[in-house]
Amino acid sequence: NRIKIDLLSKSYINSKRLLHEAEEGIINRDYEQLNSYRRIVRHIEYCTNCLDEKSRFIIQNEVIEGKSGKWYTEFYSAPSYYRLRQKAYEEFFRCLEK
């Protein structure tokens, strides 16, 4: 699951960056490419917003912001984080499949 989260995070962050660069005129992308980036961003944000507060907090940090390592230590003990992370991943993946 961690690999999937890392890939989703990279896809989300890259899509957001490319959309921003296209809007600023830094890069040139065709309409279909831009729509593809928008769909990725919207779907990930929609699924994140459907989660309960704790799950959303974890996905927000790990997917939307791309944090890794022990970012959670100021919020959770390791056992609590791993339990909550597992639940967050399951909820998030279930929503993505819809």
C-alpha atoms as a PDB file:
ATOM      1  CA  ASN A   1       0.000   0.000   0.000  1.00  0.00           C
ATOM      2  CA  ARG A   2       2.860   2.395   0.709  1.00  0.00           C
ATOM      3  CA  ILE A   3       4.055   2.101  -2.888  1.00  0.00           C
ATOM      4  CA  LYS A   4       0.555   2.909  -4.162  1.00  0.00           C
ATOM      5  CA  ILE A   5       0.390   5.953  -1.885  1.00  0.00           C
ATOM      6  CA  ASP A   6       3.795   7.153  -3.075  1.00  0.00           C
ATOM      7  CA  LEU A   7       2.736   6.776  -6.725  1.00  0.00           C
ATOM      8  CA  LEU A   8      -0.566   8.574  -6.111  1.00  0.00           C
ATOM      9  CA  SER A   9       1.248  11.357  -4.307  1.00  0.00           C
ATOM     10  CA  LYS A  10       3.730  11.818  -7.143  1.00  0.00           C
ATOM     11  CA  SER A  11       0.930  11.750  -9.704  1.00  0.00           C
ATOM     12  CA  TYR A  12      -1.107  14.300  -7.744  1.00  0.00           C
ATOM     13  CA  ILE A  13       1.795  16.669  -7.094  1.00  0.00           C
ATOM     14  CA  ASN A  14       3.037  16.414 -10.689  1.00  0.00           C
ATOM     15  CA  SER A  15      -0.467  17.030 -12.088  1.00  0.00           C
ATOM     16  CA  LYS A  16      -0.953  20.063  -9.828  1.00  0.00           C
ATOM     17  CA  ARG A  17       2.428  21.446 -10.893  1.00  0.00           C
ATOM     18  CA  LEU A  18       1.745  20.932 -14.606  1.00  0.00           C
ATOM     19  CA  LEU A  19      -1.695  22.541 -14.328  1.00  0.00           C
ATOM     20  CA  HIS A  20      -0.174  25.528 -12.564  1.00  0.00           C
ATOM     21  CA  GLU A  21       2.585  25.844 -15.155  1.00  0.00           C
ATOM     22  CA  ALA A  22       0.049  25.635 -18.007  1.00  0.00           C
ATOM     23  CA  GLU A  23      -2.138  28.293 -16.381  1.00  0.00           C
ATOM     24  CA  GLU A  24       0.883  30.561 -15.963  1.00  0.00           C
ATOM     25  CA  GLY A  25       1.910  30.020 -19.591  1.00  0.00           C
ATOM     26  CA  ILE A  26       5.179  28.366 -18.589  1.00  0.00           C
ATOM     27  CA  ILE A  27       4.402  25.184 -20.512  1.00  0.00           C
ATOM     28  CA  ASN A  28       2.095  24.379 -23.374  1.00  0.00           C
ATOM     29  CA  ARG A  29      -0.242  21.375 -23.084  1.00  0.00           C
ATOM     30  CA  ASP A  30      -3.196  20.416 -25.224  1.00  0.00           C
ATOM     31  CA  TYR A  31      -6.746  20.346 -23.906  1.00  0.00           C
ATOM     32  CA  GLU A  32      -6.830  16.553 -23.421  1.00  0.00           C
ATOM     33  CA  GLN A  33      -3.613  16.523 -21.406  1.00  0.00           C
ATOM     34  CA  LEU A  34      -4.866  19.311 -19.158  1.00  0.00           C
ATOM     35  CA  ASN A  35      -8.182  17.521 -18.661  1.00  0.00           C
ATOM     36  CA  SER A  36      -6.311  14.360 -17.708  1.00  0.00           C
ATOM     37  CA  TYR A  37      -4.363  16.269 -15.046  1.00  0.00           C
ATOM     38  CA  ARG A  38      -7.566  17.905 -13.791  1.00  0.00           C
ATOM     39  CA  ARG A  39      -9.307  14.520 -13.474  1.00  0.00           C
ATOM     40  CA  ILE A  40      -6.427  13.115 -11.432  1.00  0.00           C
ATOM     41  CA  VAL A  41      -6.406  16.115  -9.090  1.00  0.00           C
ATOM     42  CA  ARG A  42     -10.196  16.224  -8.696  1.00  0.00           C
ATOM     43  CA  HIS A  43     -10.558  12.503  -8.035  1.00  0.00           C
ATOM     44  CA  ILE A  44      -7.816  12.414  -5.416  1.00  0.00           C
ATOM     45  CA  GLU A  45      -9.180  15.543  -3.716  1.00  0.00           C
ATOM     46  CA  TYR A  46     -12.751  14.195  -3.845  1.00  0.00           C
ATOM     47  CA  CYS A  47     -11.705  10.887  -2.271  1.00  0.00           C
ATOM     48  CA  THR A  48      -9.664  12.679   0.372  1.00  0.00           C
ATOM     49  CA  ASN A  49     -12.647  14.852   1.295  1.00  0.00           C
ATOM     50  CA  CYS A  50     -14.902  11.793   1.679  1.00  0.00           C
ATOM     51  CA  LEU A  51     -12.770  10.399   4.511  1.00  0.00           C
ATOM     52  CA  ASP A  52     -13.331  10.844   8.225  1.00  0.00           C
ATOM     53  CA  GLU A  53     -11.235  13.528   9.922  1.00  0.00           C
ATOM     54  CA  LYS A  54      -8.315  11.336  11.055  1.00  0.00           C
ATOM     55  CA  SER A  55      -8.089   9.437   7.768  1.00  0.00           C
ATOM     56  CA  ARG A  56      -8.282  12.692   5.819  1.00  0.00           C
ATOM     57  CA  PHE A  57      -5.452  14.142   7.931  1.00  0.00           C
ATOM     58  CA  ILE A  58      -3.198  11.195   7.116  1.00  0.00           C
ATOM     59  CA  ILE A  59      -4.019  11.138   3.390  1.00  0.00           C
ATOM     60  CA  GLN A  60      -3.694  14.925   3.205  1.00  0.00           C
ATOM     61  CA  ASN A  61      -0.178  14.686   4.607  1.00  0.00           C
ATOM     62  CA  GLU A  62       0.964  11.622   2.688  1.00  0.00           C
ATOM     63  CA  VAL A  63      -0.722  12.088  -0.701  1.00  0.00           C
ATOM     64  CA  ILE A  64      -1.595  15.753  -1.121  1.00  0.00           C
ATOM     65  CA  GLU A  65       1.509  17.140   0.575  1.00  0.00           C
ATOM     66  CA  GLY A  66       3.797  14.194  -0.188  1.00  0.00           C
ATOM     67  CA  LYS A  67       5.254  13.920   3.314  1.00  0.00           C
ATOM     68  CA  SER A  68       7.215  10.810   4.205  1.00  0.00           C
ATOM     69  CA  GLY A  69       9.290   9.635   7.103  1.00  0.00           C
ATOM     70  CA  LYS A  70       8.080  10.237  10.634  1.00  0.00           C
ATOM     71  CA  TRP A  71       5.992  13.365  10.029  1.00  0.00           C
ATOM     72  CA  TYR A  72       3.289  11.923  12.319  1.00  0.00           C
ATOM     73  CA  THR A  73       5.328  11.831  15.556  1.00  0.00           C
ATOM     74  CA  GLU A  74       4.018  15.146  16.857  1.00  0.00           C
ATOM     75  CA  PHE A  75       0.439  13.913  16.407  1.00  0.00           C
ATOM     76  CA  TYR A  76       0.385  10.162  17.120  1.00  0.00           C
ATOM     77  CA  SER A  77       2.334   7.394  18.774  1.00  0.00           C
ATOM     78  CA  ALA A  78       3.731   4.918  16.244  1.00  0.00           C
ATOM     79  CA  PRO A  79       1.166   2.168  17.030  1.00  0.00           C
ATOM     80  CA  SER A  80      -1.743   4.624  16.796  1.00  0.00           C
ATOM     81  CA  TYR A  81      -0.421   6.059  13.544  1.00  0.00           C
ATOM     82  CA  TYR A  82       0.025   2.635  11.919  1.00  0.00           C
ATOM     83  CA  ARG A  83      -3.479   1.589  12.939  1.00  0.00           C
ATOM     84  CA  LEU A  84      -5.006   4.844  11.688  1.00  0.00           C
ATOM     85  CA  ARG A  85      -2.911   4.787   8.523  1.00  0.00           C
ATOM     86  CA  GLN A  86      -4.119   1.303   7.643  1.00  0.00           C
ATOM     87  CA  LYS A  87      -7.735   2.416   8.067  1.00  0.00           C
ATOM     88  CA  ALA A  88      -7.093   5.597   6.043  1.00  0.00           C
ATOM     89  CA  TYR A  89      -5.490   3.644   3.189  1.00  0.00           C
ATOM     90  CA  GLU A  90      -8.372   1.161   3.075  1.00  0.00           C
ATOM     91  CA  GLU A  91     -10.995   3.947   2.986  1.00  0.00           C
ATOM     92  CA  PHE A  92      -9.043   5.948   0.425  1.00  0.00           C
ATOM     93  CA  PHE A  93      -8.454   3.001  -1.926  1.00  0.00           C
ATOM     94  CA  ARG A  94     -12.113   1.979  -1.646  1.00  0.00           C
ATOM     95  CA  CYS A  95     -13.158   5.465  -2.747  1.00  0.00           C
ATOM     96  CA  LEU A  96     -10.622   5.567  -5.589  1.00  0.00           C
ATOM     97  CA  GLU A  97     -12.057   2.358  -7.022  1.00  0.00           C
ATOM     98  CA  LYS A  98     -15.538   3.877  -7.352  1.00  0.00           C
END
